[in-house]
C-alpha atoms as a PDB file:
ATOM      1  CA  MET A   1      60.789  96.547 -19.461  1.00  0.00           C
ATOM      2  CA  LEU A   2      59.649  94.458 -16.503  1.00  0.00           C
ATOM      3  CA  LEU A   3      57.500  91.555 -17.554  1.00  0.00           C
ATOM      4  CA  ILE A   4      55.622  91.005 -14.310  1.00  0.00           C
ATOM      5  CA  SER A   5      52.951  88.377 -14.777  1.00  0.00           C
ATOM      6  CA  LEU A   6      50.625  87.273 -11.985  1.00  0.00           C
ATOM      7  CA  LYS A   7      50.108  83.949 -13.770  1.00  0.00           C
ATOM      8  CA  GLU A   8      53.874  83.310 -13.898  1.00  0.00           C
ATOM      9  CA  ILE A   9      54.328  84.350 -10.260  1.00  0.00           C
ATOM     10  CA  ILE A  10      51.566  81.967  -9.157  1.00  0.00           C
ATOM     11  CA  THR A  11      52.907  79.104 -11.306  1.00  0.00           C
ATOM     12  CA  VAL A  12      56.519  79.561 -10.197  1.00  0.00           C
ATOM     13  CA  GLY A  13      55.392  80.135  -6.608  1.00  0.00           C
ATOM     14  CA  MET A  14      53.430  76.873  -6.585  1.00  0.00           C
ATOM     15  CA  VAL A  15      56.355  74.972  -8.122  1.00  0.00           C
ATOM     16  CA  LEU A  16      58.755  76.336  -5.489  1.00  0.00           C
ATOM     17  CA  PHE A  17      56.203  75.708  -2.734  1.00  0.00           C
ATOM     18  CA  ALA A  18      55.917  72.077  -3.854  1.00  0.00           C
ATOM     19  CA  VAL A  19      59.694  71.612  -4.120  1.00  0.00           C
ATOM     20  CA  ILE A  20      60.513  73.329  -0.827  1.00  0.00           C
ATOM     21  CA  ASP A  21      57.613  71.407   0.781  1.00  0.00           C
ATOM     22  CA  ILE A  22      57.811  73.433   3.976  1.00  0.00           C
ATOM     23  CA  VAL A  23      54.400  72.210   5.197  1.00  0.00           C
ATOM     24  CA  GLY A  24      55.408  68.594   4.544  1.00  0.00           C
ATOM     25  CA  SER A  25      58.646  69.284   6.408  1.00  0.00           C
ATOM     26  CA  ILE A  26      56.859  70.271   9.623  1.00  0.00           C
ATOM     27  CA  PRO A  27      57.475  66.839  11.209  1.00  0.00           C
ATOM     28  CA  ILE A  28      61.206  67.264  10.434  1.00  0.00           C
ATOM     29  CA  ILE A  29      61.167  70.834  11.809  1.00  0.00           C
ATOM     30  CA  VAL A  30      59.430  69.699  15.009  1.00  0.00           C
ATOM     31  CA  ASP A  31      61.992  66.894  15.380  1.00  0.00           C
ATOM     32  CA  LEU A  32      64.855  69.386  14.872  1.00  0.00           C
ATOM     33  CA  ARG A  33      63.347  71.637  17.561  1.00  0.00           C
ATOM     34  CA  LYS A  34      63.254  68.703  19.970  1.00  0.00           C
ATOM     35  CA  LYS A  35      66.859  67.718  19.206  1.00  0.00           C
ATOM     36  CA  HIS A  36      68.486  71.164  18.968  1.00  0.00           C
ATOM     37  CA  GLY A  37      66.215  73.461  20.944  1.00  0.00           C
ATOM     38  CA  HIS A  38      65.294  76.875  19.524  1.00  0.00           C
ATOM     39  CA  ILE A  39      65.406  77.306  15.745  1.00  0.00           C
ATOM     40  CA  GLU A  40      66.128  80.814  14.482  1.00  0.00           C
ATOM     41  CA  SER A  41      63.323  81.126  11.929  1.00  0.00           C
ATOM     42  CA  GLU A  42      64.453  84.530  10.657  1.00  0.00           C
ATOM     43  CA  LYS A  43      68.014  83.375  10.095  1.00  0.00           C
ATOM     44  CA  ALA A  44      66.964  80.126   8.381  1.00  0.00           C
ATOM     45  CA  ALA A  45      64.510  81.892   6.044  1.00  0.00           C
ATOM     46  CA  LEU A  46      66.947  84.699   5.200  1.00  0.00           C
ATOM     47  CA  VAL A  47      69.859  82.359   4.450  1.00  0.00           C
ATOM     48  CA  ALA A  48      67.639  80.084   2.316  1.00  0.00           C
ATOM     49  CA  GLY A  49      66.374  83.122   0.367  1.00  0.00           C
ATOM     50  CA  ILE A  50      69.903  84.399  -0.258  1.00  0.00           C
ATOM     51  CA  ILE A  51      71.055  80.959  -1.431  1.00  0.00           C
ATOM     52  CA  MET A  52      68.129  80.742  -3.864  1.00  0.00           C
ATOM     53  CA  LEU A  53      68.599  84.269  -5.250  1.00  0.00           C
ATOM     54  CA  VAL A  54      72.363  83.863  -5.684  1.00  0.00           C
ATOM     55  CA  PHE A  55      71.922  80.543  -7.470  1.00  0.00           C
ATOM     56  CA  LEU A  56      69.177  81.997  -9.667  1.00  0.00           C
ATOM     57  CA  PHE A  57      71.521  84.719 -10.911  1.00  0.00           C
ATOM     58  CA  ILE A  58      74.920  82.985 -11.064  1.00  0.00           C
ATOM     59  CA  GLY A  59      73.863  79.354 -11.456  1.00  0.00           C
ATOM     60  CA  GLU A  60      73.676  79.534 -15.257  1.00  0.00           C
ATOM     61  CA  ASP A  61      77.095  81.235 -15.489  1.00  0.00           C
ATOM     62  CA  PHE A  62      78.528  78.614 -13.174  1.00  0.00           C
ATOM     63  CA  LEU A  63      77.124  75.882 -15.412  1.00  0.00           C
ATOM     64  CA  SER A  64      78.585  77.466 -18.543  1.00  0.00           C
ATOM     65  CA  ILE A  65      82.017  77.581 -16.884  1.00  0.00           C
ATOM     66  CA  ILE A  66      81.862  73.814 -16.392  1.00  0.00           C
ATOM     67  CA  GLY A  67      80.370  73.285 -19.865  1.00  0.00           C
ATOM     68  CA  ILE A  68      76.744  72.385 -19.113  1.00  0.00           C
ATOM     69  CA  ASP A  69      73.849  74.046 -20.969  1.00  0.00           C
ATOM     70  CA  VAL A  70      70.545  74.990 -19.337  1.00  0.00           C
ATOM     71  CA  HIS A  71      68.579  72.313 -21.227  1.00  0.00           C
ATOM     72  CA  SER A  72      70.847  69.551 -19.898  1.00  0.00           C
ATOM     73  CA  PHE A  73      70.563  70.939 -16.389  1.00  0.00           C
ATOM     74  CA  ALA A  74      66.773  71.243 -16.728  1.00  0.00           C
ATOM     75  CA  VAL A  75      66.462  67.624 -17.905  1.00  0.00           C
ATOM     76  CA  ALA A  76      68.679  66.481 -15.024  1.00  0.00           C
ATOM     77  CA  GLY A  77      66.568  68.672 -12.741  1.00  0.00           C
ATOM     78  CA  SER A  78      63.402  67.015 -13.978  1.00  0.00           C
ATOM     79  CA  PHE A  79      64.804  63.678 -12.779  1.00  0.00           C
ATOM     80  CA  VAL A  80      65.630  65.172  -9.357  1.00  0.00           C
ATOM     81  CA  LEU A  81      62.103  66.599  -9.110  1.00  0.00           C
ATOM     82  CA  PHE A  82      60.688  63.253 -10.219  1.00  0.00           C
ATOM     83  CA  PHE A  83      62.459  61.453  -7.357  1.00  0.00           C
ATOM     84  CA  ILE A  84      61.515  64.144  -4.824  1.00  0.00           C
ATOM     85  CA  ALA A  85      57.892  63.740  -5.949  1.00  0.00           C
ATOM     86  CA  LEU A  86      58.145  59.963  -5.532  1.00  0.00           C
ATOM     87  CA  GLU A  87      59.488  60.483  -1.998  1.00  0.00           C
ATOM     88  CA  MET A  88      56.532  62.746  -1.209  1.00  0.00           C
ATOM     89  CA  ILE A  89      53.883  60.483  -2.755  1.00  0.00           C
ATOM     90  CA  LEU A  90      55.183  57.112  -1.604  1.00  0.00           C
ATOM     91  CA  GLY A  91      56.533  58.226   1.777  1.00  0.00           C
ATOM     92  CA  ILE A  92      59.988  56.795   1.131  1.00  0.00           C
ATOM     93  CA  ARG A  93      63.459  58.323   1.512  1.00  0.00           C
ATOM     94  CA  ILE A  94      65.687  58.016  -1.540  1.00  0.00           C
ATOM     95  CA  TYR A  95      68.176  60.685  -0.446  1.00  0.00           C
ATOM     96  CA  LYS A  96      69.537  60.304   3.057  1.00  0.00           C
ATOM     97  CA  ASP A  97      71.401  63.181   4.715  1.00  0.00           C
ATOM     98  CA  GLU A  98      73.750  62.958   7.659  1.00  0.00           C
ATOM     99  CA  GLU A  99      72.742  64.148  11.110  1.00  0.00           C
ATOM    100  CA  ALA A 100      73.413  67.856  11.796  1.00  0.00           C
ATOM    101  CA  ASN A 101      74.845  69.572  14.889  1.00  0.00           C
ATOM    102  CA  SER A 102      72.875  72.804  14.535  1.00  0.00           C
ATOM    103  CA  ALA A 103      69.480  73.304  13.009  1.00  0.00           C
ATOM    104  CA  SER A 104      68.992  76.907  11.827  1.00  0.00           C
ATOM    105  CA  ILE A 105      71.346  76.965   8.838  1.00  0.00           C
ATOM    106  CA  VAL A 106      72.190  73.286   8.305  1.00  0.00           C
ATOM    107  CA  PRO A 107      70.003  71.297   7.668  1.00  0.00           C
ATOM    108  CA  LEU A 108      67.084  73.758   7.770  1.00  0.00           C
ATOM    109  CA  ALA A 109      68.132  76.575   5.395  1.00  0.00           C
ATOM    110  CA  PHE A 110      70.334  74.217   3.408  1.00  0.00           C
ATOM    111  CA  PRO A 111      69.517  71.557   2.228  1.00  0.00           C
ATOM    112  CA  LEU A 112      65.941  71.300   3.584  1.00  0.00           C
ATOM    113  CA  ILE A 113      64.634  74.623   2.194  1.00  0.00           C
ATOM    114  CA  ALA A 114      67.234  75.605  -0.428  1.00  0.00           C
ATOM    115  CA  GLY A 115      68.585  72.218  -1.398  1.00  0.00           C
ATOM    116  CA  ALA A 116      69.567  70.541  -4.638  1.00  0.00           C
ATOM    117  CA  GLY A 117      65.955  70.146  -5.735  1.00  0.00           C
ATOM    118  CA  THR A 118      65.229  73.837  -5.207  1.00  0.00           C
ATOM    119  CA  MET A 119      68.357  74.941  -7.047  1.00  0.00           C
ATOM    120  CA  THR A 120      67.685  72.598  -9.934  1.00  0.00           C
ATOM    121  CA  THR A 121      64.126  73.868 -10.085  1.00  0.00           C
ATOM    122  CA  LEU A 122      65.256  77.511 -10.148  1.00  0.00           C
ATOM    123  CA  LEU A 123      67.469  77.009 -13.185  1.00  0.00           C
ATOM    124  CA  SER A 124      64.815  74.912 -14.890  1.00  0.00           C
ATOM    125  CA  LEU A 125      62.225  77.626 -14.241  1.00  0.00           C
ATOM    126  CA  ARG A 126      64.612  80.308 -15.473  1.00  0.00           C
ATOM    127  CA  SER A 127      64.613  78.631 -18.881  1.00  0.00           C
ATOM    128  CA  GLN A 128      60.821  79.073 -19.106  1.00  0.00           C
ATOM    129  CA  TYR A 129      59.806  82.130 -17.037  1.00  0.00           C
ATOM    130  CA  HIS A 130      60.914  85.751 -16.625  1.00  0.00           C
ATOM    131  CA  THR A 131      63.488  86.309 -13.874  1.00  0.00           C
ATOM    132  CA  VAL A 132      61.515  89.087 -12.157  1.00  0.00           C
ATOM    133  CA  ASN A 133      58.568  86.728 -11.652  1.00  0.00           C
ATOM    134  CA  ILE A 134      60.862  84.040 -10.236  1.00  0.00           C
ATOM    135  CA  VAL A 135      62.389  86.569  -7.797  1.00  0.00           C
ATOM    136  CA  ILE A 136      58.923  87.628  -6.608  1.00  0.00           C
ATOM    137  CA  ALA A 137      57.923  83.966  -6.212  1.00  0.00           C
ATOM    138  CA  ILE A 138      61.106  83.272  -4.196  1.00  0.00           C
ATOM    139  CA  ILE A 139      60.395  86.214  -1.882  1.00  0.00           C
ATOM    140  CA  LEU A 140      56.775  85.106  -1.380  1.00  0.00           C
ATOM    141  CA  ASN A 141      57.912  81.557  -0.638  1.00  0.00           C
ATOM    142  CA  ILE A 142      60.543  82.740   1.841  1.00  0.00           C
ATOM    143  CA  ILE A 143      57.888  84.791   3.654  1.00  0.00           C
ATOM    144  CA  LEU A 144      55.704  81.678   3.747  1.00  0.00           C
ATOM    145  CA  VAL A 145      58.664  79.575   4.951  1.00  0.00           C
ATOM    146  CA  TYR A 146      59.256  82.068   7.770  1.00  0.00           C
ATOM    147  CA  ILE A 147      55.579  81.989   8.799  1.00  0.00           C
ATOM    148  CA  VAL A 148      55.540  78.182   8.764  1.00  0.00           C
ATOM    149  CA  LEU A 149      58.789  77.972  10.755  1.00  0.00           C
ATOM    150  CA  LYS A 150      57.421  80.384  13.354  1.00  0.00           C
ATOM    151  CA  SER A 151      54.139  78.502  13.694  1.00  0.00           C
ATOM    152  CA  SER A 152      55.205  74.912  12.935  1.00  0.00           C
ATOM    153  CA  SER A 153      53.978  73.469  16.218  1.00  0.00           C
ATOM    154  CA  LYS A 154      50.557  75.126  15.803  1.00  0.00           C
ATOM    155  CA  ILE A 155      50.264  73.878  12.198  1.00  0.00           C
ATOM    156  CA  GLU A 156      51.238  70.369  13.297  1.00  0.00           C
ATOM    157  CA  LYS A 157      48.502  70.354  15.932  1.00  0.00           C
ATOM    158  CA  LEU A 158      45.948  71.843  13.511  1.00  0.00           C
ATOM    159  CA  LEU A 159      46.541  69.450  10.601  1.00  0.00           C
ATOM    160  CA  GLY A 160      47.535  66.380  12.548  1.00  0.00           C
ATOM    161  CA  LYS A 161      49.676  63.594  11.113  1.00  0.00           C
ATOM    162  CA  ASN A 162      47.043  62.544   8.556  1.00  0.00           C
ATOM    163  CA  GLY A 163      46.510  66.133   7.365  1.00  0.00           C
ATOM    164  CA  LEU A 164      50.246  66.632   6.866  1.00  0.00           C
ATOM    165  CA  ASP A 165      50.427  63.355   4.921  1.00  0.00           C
ATOM    166  CA  VAL A 166      47.574  64.448   2.631  1.00  0.00           C
ATOM    167  CA  VAL A 167      49.227  67.840   1.950  1.00  0.00           C
ATOM    168  CA  ARG A 168      52.569  66.194   1.245  1.00  0.00           C
ATOM    169  CA  LYS A 169      51.072  63.628  -1.164  1.00  0.00           C
ATOM    170  CA  ALA A 170      48.965  66.238  -2.986  1.00  0.00           C
ATOM    171  CA  PHE A 171      52.004  68.444  -3.604  1.00  0.00           C
ATOM    172  CA  GLY A 172      53.958  65.343  -4.603  1.00  0.00           C
ATOM    173  CA  VAL A 173      51.517  64.672  -7.444  1.00  0.00           C
ATOM    174  CA  VAL A 174      51.749  68.334  -8.557  1.00  0.00           C
ATOM    175  CA  LEU A 175      55.544  68.110  -8.460  1.00  0.00           C
ATOM    176  CA  LEU A 176      55.490  64.875 -10.473  1.00  0.00           C
ATOM    177  CA  ALA A 177      53.453  66.581 -13.207  1.00  0.00           C
ATOM    178  CA  ILE A 178      55.869  69.533 -13.191  1.00  0.00           C
ATOM    179  CA  ALA A 179      58.839  67.151 -13.532  1.00  0.00           C
ATOM    180  CA  VAL A 180      57.245  65.523 -16.577  1.00  0.00           C
ATOM    181  CA  LYS A 181      56.527  68.948 -18.128  1.00  0.00           C
ATOM    182  CA  LEU A 182      60.107  70.161 -17.514  1.00  0.00           C
ATOM    183  CA  PHE A 183      61.492  67.006 -19.088  1.00  0.00           C
ATOM    184  CA  ALA A 184      59.228  67.219 -22.128  1.00  0.00           C
ATOM    185  CA  SER A 185      59.912  70.908 -22.778  1.00  0.00           C
ATOM    186  CA  ASN A 186      63.706  70.680 -22.390  1.00  0.00           C
ATOM    187  CA  VAL A 187      64.614  67.279 -23.835  1.00  0.00           C
ATOM    188  CA  LYS A 188      64.191  68.664 -27.386  1.00  0.00           C
ATOM    189  CA  GLY A 189      66.899  71.250 -26.653  1.00  0.00           C
ATOM    190  CA  LEU A 190      69.442  68.484 -26.089  1.00  0.00           C
ATOM    191  CA  PHE A 191      69.307  67.427 -29.737  1.00  0.00           C
ATOM    192  CA  LEU A 192      69.435  70.864 -31.411  1.00  0.00           C
END
């Protein structure tokens, strides 16, 4: 029986939207376009979607092979989300990545869209929501990622630097609250 829930899809979709932060990444995307020329939006979105779906389905098995339970991963993930949220809210960079040679797959699809934060979030969400709703939310987010990638220069002009900063900080606060909730709901599982 499929347990499709609009509420779960919206919740998971908003969490993924906040973690992926594609709107907040527009300045990075514009910079990558300037440095590397044309970005293949279709390829970047498709590869990011595949990475997320594969990790959603085999991530837990992979963890069990190396002896880590979902609660431990979710608590660790809550810390990652917490630091990503701090980056978004405070405008600082805690994680620094090396410069890339091409832009469509690395760093755009991975790690910008489907990075460590997204993967951690997927497994954390899987411990609380039905898989079918997570898959639908991933697909909706990938469609949104594609649209944003295709129209990043227009969005940048429309929102302006201040508008992008406001969006990024607002989603940072949402992500911070989600990190606290994930921690609180999974930390009990560590001691059972």
